[in-house]
Amino acid sequence: MKSLLNKVAIVTGASSGIGRATSLLMASEGARLVVSARRREELDALVSEIERLGGQAQAVAGDIGDEELARRLVDVAVTEFGGLDIAFNNAGMVGKIGAIGDIGLDDWHEVLDTNLTSAFLGAKHQVPAMIERGGGSLIFTSSFVGHTAGMPEMAAYAASKAGQIGLVKALATELGSKGIRVNAVLPGGTDTPASITNAPGATPQVLAFVEGLHALKRMATPEEIAQAVLFLASSASSFVTGTAMQVDGGVSVNRT
């Protein structure tokens, strides 16, 4: 039996990488989806692929830092599919990388707004709809950066992702009695278009370095991270809440 049959899910950052892979996996497991990202063309292509596979999805393009988008995603889920059971708040950015003295206030706010404030806004509008359904699963994409590892010149990113974990813990205690589970997934290096290993000018040496950081000596595929998200979204994790779930290939423990 499909693990998300008759469930309704929101996925942000769905146009590529982990968000896209998770959307396809959730649809294959029976979920009806509201998918969001800034790039409309890529979202429409994703919806077409889901529909070709027999699933149902609606695309809503916009900036994840906009509260109106957070509200609209829930409205579409309720109007088109009857409610909301799962939200994968995945959209985010690395932002400017540099020494603390070179990071402007605008740079700082851009990363915090995109990664942390958007998580708050998503939860703010998703939770009431989940309460109406008698419960649900809130999932956030955090990072090992700022949690199990400090990375130089990534202060804003680390602060925003560590802040998400704090948000998860607070919401888990606030919402547990209402049947809502709240968790974060912490991927290791993942082979996505946004990865530094796929940046213009990236060399084989860059890839080898990133792979070597992991105990498994390789990067993840987006599909591998999607499987972890599916676990947190489904009833298989029915007694899991408040966790920072490391899906990091051992990057947090590796010293070799």
Protein backbone atom coordinates (compact mmCIF):
# COMPACT_ATOMS: atom_id res chain seq x y z
CA MET A 1 0.00 0.00 0.00
CA LYS A 2 1.23 3.47 -0.80
CA SER A 3 2.51 5.20 2.32
CA LEU A 4 0.99 8.64 1.58
CA LEU A 5 -2.28 7.59 0.00
CA ASN A 6 -4.91 10.35 0.26
CA LYS A 7 -2.45 12.72 1.94
CA VAL A 8 -1.94 16.32 0.80
CA ALA A 9 1.53 17.83 0.89
CA ILE A 10 3.24 21.16 0.27
CA VAL A 11 6.83 21.08 -1.01
CA THR A 12 8.85 24.28 -1.37
CA GLY A 13 12.05 24.57 -3.36
CA ALA A 14 10.48 21.96 -5.61
CA SER A 15 11.89 23.01 -8.97
CA SER A 16 15.17 21.07 -8.64
CA GLY A 17 17.38 18.97 -6.38
CA ILE A 18 16.01 17.57 -3.13
CA GLY A 19 12.65 19.33 -3.48
CA ARG A 20 12.03 17.93 -6.95
CA ALA A 21 13.10 14.42 -6.01
CA THR A 22 10.91 14.51 -2.90
CA SER A 23 7.90 15.76 -4.85
CA LEU A 24 8.18 12.89 -7.33
CA LEU A 25 8.62 10.35 -4.53
CA MET A 26 5.69 11.66 -2.52
CA ALA A 27 3.48 11.63 -5.61
CA SER A 28 4.50 8.03 -6.34
CA GLU A 29 3.43 7.17 -2.77
CA GLY A 30 -0.04 8.60 -3.32
CA ALA A 31 0.21 12.20 -2.08
CA ARG A 32 -1.44 15.08 -3.87
CA LEU A 33 0.96 17.99 -4.02
CA VAL A 34 1.22 21.75 -4.01
CA VAL A 35 4.72 22.50 -5.29
CA SER A 36 6.43 25.87 -5.08
CA ALA A 37 9.60 27.62 -6.20
CA ARG A 38 10.52 30.83 -7.97
CA ARG A 39 10.90 29.30 -11.44
CA ARG A 40 7.49 28.75 -13.01
CA GLU A 41 8.72 26.87 -16.08
CA GLU A 42 10.50 24.23 -13.99
CA LEU A 43 7.48 23.88 -11.70
CA ASP A 44 5.16 23.34 -14.67
CA ALA A 45 7.52 20.67 -16.00
CA LEU A 46 7.46 18.95 -12.59
CA VAL A 47 3.66 18.99 -12.47
CA SER A 48 3.51 17.53 -15.98
CA GLU A 49 5.84 14.72 -14.95
CA ILE A 50 3.79 13.96 -11.84
CA GLU A 51 0.61 13.88 -13.90
CA ARG A 52 2.21 11.58 -16.50
CA LEU A 53 2.95 9.19 -13.64
CA GLY A 54 -0.70 9.28 -12.57
CA GLY A 55 -0.39 11.78 -9.72
CA GLN A 56 -1.95 15.14 -8.97
CA ALA A 57 -0.15 18.43 -8.33
CA GLN A 58 -0.64 22.18 -8.43
CA ALA A 59 2.20 24.65 -9.02
CA VAL A 60 2.43 27.98 -7.19
CA ALA A 61 5.43 30.12 -8.09
CA GLY A 62 6.78 32.82 -5.80
CA ASP A 63 9.34 34.02 -3.27
CA ILE A 64 9.40 31.83 -0.15
CA GLY A 65 10.15 34.87 2.00
CA ASP A 66 6.78 36.39 1.12
CA GLU A 67 4.08 35.70 3.70
CA GLU A 68 1.41 35.96 1.02
CA LEU A 69 2.98 32.96 -0.73
CA ALA A 70 2.93 30.95 2.50
CA ARG A 71 -0.75 31.75 2.88
CA ARG A 72 -1.53 30.97 -0.75
CA LEU A 73 0.15 27.55 -0.67
CA VAL A 74 -2.14 26.47 2.15
CA ASP A 75 -5.18 27.98 0.46
CA VAL A 76 -4.46 26.00 -2.72
CA ALA A 77 -3.96 22.78 -0.74
CA VAL A 78 -7.30 23.25 1.01
CA THR A 79 -9.23 24.48 -2.03
CA GLU A 80 -7.88 22.01 -4.58
CA PHE A 81 -7.29 18.93 -2.44
CA GLY A 82 -9.39 19.40 0.70
CA GLY A 83 -6.77 20.03 3.39
CA LEU A 84 -3.13 19.72 4.39
CA ASP A 85 -1.31 16.79 6.03
CA ILE A 86 2.39 17.30 5.22
CA ALA A 87 4.62 20.30 4.61
CA PHE A 88 8.23 19.97 3.47
CA ASN A 89 9.69 23.45 3.97
CA ASN A 90 12.77 22.86 1.86
CA ALA A 91 13.51 26.09 -0.01
CA GLY A 92 16.68 27.89 1.03
CA MET A 93 19.93 29.47 -0.03
CA VAL A 94 23.60 29.52 0.91
CA GLY A 95 24.00 33.24 0.32
CA LYS A 96 27.20 35.22 0.22
CA ILE A 97 30.25 33.35 1.47
CA GLY A 98 32.91 35.51 3.07
CA ALA A 99 34.64 36.72 6.19
CA ILE A 100 32.34 38.23 8.80
CA GLY A 101 33.69 41.71 8.15
CA ASP A 102 32.77 41.42 4.48
CA ILE A 103 29.14 40.39 5.03
CA GLY A 104 26.77 43.30 4.72
CA LEU A 105 23.56 43.63 6.68
CA ASP A 106 21.56 43.12 3.48
CA ASP A 107 23.46 39.87 2.84
CA TRP A 108 22.71 38.70 6.38
CA HIS A 109 19.02 39.53 6.19
CA GLU A 110 18.64 37.86 2.78
CA VAL A 111 19.89 34.51 4.12
CA LEU A 112 18.00 34.71 7.42
CA ASP A 113 14.78 35.72 5.67
CA THR A 114 15.07 32.97 3.07
CA ASN A 115 16.07 30.15 5.39
CA LEU A 116 14.65 30.95 8.82
CA THR A 117 11.88 33.54 8.54
CA SER A 118 10.36 31.57 5.67
CA ALA A 119 10.30 28.48 7.91
CA PHE A 120 8.39 30.46 10.54
CA LEU A 121 5.96 31.84 7.94
CA GLY A 122 5.37 28.41 6.46
CA ALA A 123 4.60 26.87 9.84
CA LYS A 124 2.42 29.81 10.85
CA HIS A 125 0.00 29.13 7.99
CA GLN A 126 0.40 25.35 7.70
CA VAL A 127 -0.31 24.48 11.33
CA PRO A 128 -3.96 25.63 11.46
CA ALA A 129 -4.76 23.59 8.35
CA MET A 130 -3.10 20.52 9.86
CA ILE A 131 -5.04 20.96 13.10
CA GLU A 132 -8.22 20.91 11.01
CA ARG A 133 -7.14 17.50 9.68
CA GLY A 134 -6.41 16.20 13.18
CA GLY A 135 -2.63 16.28 12.82
CA GLY A 136 0.20 16.22 10.33
CA SER A 137 3.93 16.30 9.69
CA LEU A 138 6.03 19.46 9.40
CA ILE A 139 9.51 18.92 7.94
CA PHE A 140 12.32 21.43 7.43
CA THR A 141 15.59 21.17 5.51
CA SER A 142 18.30 22.27 7.92
CA SER A 143 22.03 21.45 7.70
CA PHE A 144 24.94 19.92 9.56
CA VAL A 145 26.55 23.34 9.08
CA GLY A 146 25.95 25.21 12.32
CA HIS A 147 24.85 22.02 14.10
CA THR A 148 27.59 19.39 14.06
CA ALA A 149 30.19 21.41 12.16
CA GLY A 150 31.43 24.96 11.90
CA MET A 151 32.37 26.05 8.38
CA PRO A 152 34.42 29.22 7.88
CA GLU A 153 32.87 32.17 6.05
CA MET A 154 29.33 30.77 6.32
CA ALA A 155 28.07 32.66 9.37
CA ALA A 156 24.65 33.64 8.03
CA TYR A 157 23.91 30.22 6.60
CA ALA A 158 25.01 28.44 9.79
CA ALA A 159 22.96 30.78 11.99
CA SER A 160 19.85 30.38 9.85
CA LYS A 161 20.04 26.58 9.72
CA ALA A 162 20.81 26.25 13.43
CA GLY A 163 17.85 28.53 14.06
CA GLN A 164 15.62 26.14 12.14
CA ILE A 165 16.55 23.35 14.54
CA GLY A 166 15.59 25.54 17.47
CA LEU A 167 12.28 26.27 15.75
CA VAL A 168 11.70 22.55 15.23
CA LYS A 169 12.24 21.76 18.91
CA ALA A 170 9.94 24.54 20.07
CA LEU A 171 7.17 23.61 17.63
CA ALA A 172 7.46 19.90 18.43
CA THR A 173 6.64 20.60 22.08
CA GLU A 174 3.95 23.13 21.18
CA LEU A 175 2.14 20.98 18.65
CA GLY A 176 2.64 17.40 19.82
CA SER A 177 -0.62 17.31 21.74
CA LYS A 178 -2.39 18.39 18.54
CA GLY A 179 -1.08 15.43 16.60
CA ILE A 180 1.49 17.38 14.61
CA ARG A 181 5.04 16.05 14.40
CA VAL A 182 7.87 18.47 13.63
CA ASN A 183 11.30 17.41 12.41
CA ALA A 184 14.31 18.59 10.45
CA VAL A 185 16.33 16.65 7.92
CA LEU A 186 20.05 17.49 7.78
CA PRO A 187 21.57 16.41 4.45
CA GLY A 188 25.24 15.99 3.82
CA GLY A 189 26.78 17.01 0.54
CA THR A 190 24.20 16.32 -2.16
CA ASP A 191 24.67 16.30 -5.92
CA THR A 192 22.24 19.07 -6.89
CA PRO A 193 22.51 21.99 -9.33
CA ALA A 194 23.18 24.26 -6.33
CA SER A 195 26.12 22.20 -5.05
CA ILE A 196 29.57 23.79 -5.14
CA THR A 197 30.72 20.68 -7.01
CA ASN A 198 28.51 21.76 -9.91
CA ALA A 199 29.41 25.46 -9.79
CA PRO A 200 31.04 27.03 -12.86
CA GLY A 201 34.73 26.25 -12.80
CA ALA A 202 34.44 23.46 -10.24
CA THR A 203 37.27 20.99 -10.74
CA PRO A 204 37.55 17.24 -10.07
CA GLN A 205 39.65 18.22 -7.06
CA VAL A 206 36.67 20.09 -5.58
CA LEU A 207 34.49 17.02 -5.98
CA ALA A 208 37.14 14.77 -4.44
CA PHE A 209 37.52 17.12 -1.47
CA VAL A 210 33.77 17.25 -0.80
CA GLU A 211 33.39 13.49 -1.17
CA GLY A 212 36.30 12.95 1.20
CA LEU A 213 34.59 14.90 3.96
CA HIS A 214 32.05 12.07 4.27
CA ALA A 215 32.59 8.72 5.95
CA LEU A 216 30.97 7.12 2.90
CA LYS A 217 33.43 8.98 0.65
CA ARG A 218 30.76 10.13 -1.74
CA MET A 219 27.95 12.63 -2.04
CA ALA A 220 24.26 11.83 -1.76
CA THR A 221 21.81 11.82 -4.61
CA PRO A 222 18.67 13.94 -4.15
CA GLU A 223 16.66 10.72 -4.23
CA GLU A 224 18.49 9.41 -1.14
CA ILE A 225 17.56 12.52 0.86
CA ALA A 226 13.99 12.25 -0.44
CA GLN A 227 13.70 8.79 1.10
CA ALA A 228 14.52 10.24 4.52
CA VAL A 229 11.91 12.96 4.05
CA LEU A 230 9.36 10.32 3.08
CA PHE A 231 10.08 8.49 6.33
CA LEU A 232 9.41 11.66 8.34
CA ALA A 233 6.27 12.40 6.32
CA SER A 234 4.76 8.94 6.67
CA SER A 235 3.30 6.94 9.54
CA ALA A 236 6.57 4.97 9.66
CA SER A 237 7.87 7.80 11.86
CA SER A 238 4.71 8.10 13.97
CA PHE A 239 6.69 8.41 17.24
CA VAL A 240 9.39 10.71 15.87
CA THR A 241 9.23 14.42 16.63
CA GLY A 242 11.61 17.22 17.58
CA THR A 243 14.56 15.58 15.84
CA ALA A 244 17.44 16.89 13.76
CA MET A 245 17.76 13.84 11.55
CA GLN A 246 21.23 13.55 10.06
CA VAL A 247 21.23 12.10 6.54
CA ASP A 248 24.81 13.18 5.99
CA GLY A 249 26.86 10.20 4.90
CA GLY A 250 28.84 10.46 8.11
CA VAL A 251 30.18 13.95 7.49
CA SER A 252 29.38 14.84 11.12
CA VAL A 253 31.55 12.05 12.52
CA ASN A 254 34.26 11.60 9.89
CA ARG A 255 37.84 12.53 10.75
CA THR A 256 39.67 10.62 8.02
